[in-house]
Amino acid sequence: LDRITVDPQVWHRAPTVRGLRYPVEMILGLLASGMTIAEVLADYTDLEADDVLASLEYAAVVTRTCSSVPISAA
């Protein structure tokens, strides 16, 4: 998780990858939309596979430590 940073000067205090302007939320959204890790890395060449994996790990930690809220069907 050392690749995930929160800096008030970068991306409105949202967790980002290595202080870059790639929020964890964006990376997770790309994966959730069906992109593979290889496709994400091809589109964002300054990201590394470990950055994407760290984003997934961060999401796992957050969902383990926070209460979940039901999402109504759209």
Protein backbone atom coordinates (compact mmCIF):
# COMPACT_ATOMS: atom_id res chain seq x y z
CA LEU A 1 0.00 0.00 0.00
CA ASP A 2 3.01 2.33 0.00
CA ARG A 3 2.11 3.23 -3.60
CA ILE A 4 -1.16 4.82 -2.48
CA THR A 5 -0.77 8.37 -1.24
CA VAL A 6 -3.03 11.15 0.01
CA ASP A 7 -1.69 14.64 -0.52
CA PRO A 8 -3.86 17.74 0.03
CA GLN A 9 -2.15 19.34 -2.98
CA VAL A 10 -2.97 16.47 -5.33
CA TRP A 11 -6.47 15.56 -6.48
CA HIS A 12 -8.49 17.09 -3.63
CA ARG A 13 -7.18 14.77 -0.90
CA ALA A 14 -8.37 11.64 -2.71
CA PRO A 15 -6.09 8.60 -2.58
CA THR A 16 -3.87 8.55 -5.64
CA VAL A 17 -1.15 6.35 -7.03
CA ARG A 18 2.39 7.46 -6.12
CA GLY A 19 1.34 11.09 -5.82
CA LEU A 20 0.39 11.17 -9.49
CA ARG A 21 -2.94 12.55 -10.61
CA TYR A 22 -4.44 9.08 -10.95
CA PRO A 23 -7.01 8.58 -8.22
CA VAL A 24 -7.58 5.05 -6.98
CA GLU A 25 -11.27 5.56 -7.76
CA MET A 26 -10.48 6.11 -11.45
CA ILE A 27 -8.34 2.99 -11.70
CA LEU A 28 -11.03 0.91 -10.02
CA GLY A 29 -13.62 2.38 -12.37
CA LEU A 30 -11.57 1.41 -15.40
CA LEU A 31 -11.26 -2.16 -14.15
CA ALA A 32 -14.96 -2.27 -13.26
CA SER A 33 -15.84 -1.13 -16.78
CA GLY A 34 -14.15 -4.24 -18.13
CA MET A 35 -10.65 -3.03 -18.93
CA THR A 36 -7.87 -5.46 -18.19
CA ILE A 37 -4.77 -4.44 -16.26
CA ALA A 38 -2.84 -4.65 -19.53
CA GLU A 39 -5.30 -2.24 -21.21
CA VAL A 40 -5.07 0.21 -18.32
CA LEU A 41 -1.27 0.12 -18.51
CA ALA A 42 -1.35 0.61 -22.28
CA ASP A 43 -3.57 3.70 -21.92
CA TYR A 44 -1.71 5.18 -18.92
CA THR A 45 1.93 4.49 -19.65
CA ASP A 46 3.30 6.06 -16.47
CA LEU A 47 1.38 3.52 -14.36
CA GLU A 48 2.89 0.18 -13.42
CA ALA A 49 1.16 -3.14 -12.77
CA ASP A 50 1.97 -2.80 -9.06
CA ASP A 51 0.10 0.53 -9.04
CA VAL A 52 -3.07 -1.15 -10.27
CA LEU A 53 -2.66 -4.00 -7.81
CA ALA A 54 -2.09 -1.52 -4.99
CA SER A 55 -5.34 0.21 -5.96
CA LEU A 56 -7.18 -3.10 -5.69
CA GLU A 57 -5.53 -3.81 -2.35
CA TYR A 58 -6.50 -0.35 -1.09
CA ALA A 59 -10.11 -0.98 -2.10
CA ALA A 60 -10.07 -4.32 -0.28
CA VAL A 61 -8.78 -2.66 2.90
CA VAL A 62 -11.34 0.15 2.72
CA THR A 63 -14.26 -2.19 2.20
CA ARG A 64 -13.09 -4.33 5.12
CA THR A 65 -12.93 -1.38 7.47
CA CYS A 66 -16.00 0.63 6.40
CA SER A 67 -19.67 -0.12 6.69
CA SER A 68 -21.34 -0.99 3.44
CA VAL A 69 -24.42 0.77 2.18
CA PRO A 70 -26.95 -1.02 -0.02
CA ILE A 71 -27.14 0.33 -3.54
CA SER A 72 -30.62 0.38 -4.98
CA ALA A 73 -31.11 -1.13 -8.43
CA ALA A 74 -31.26 1.47 -11.17
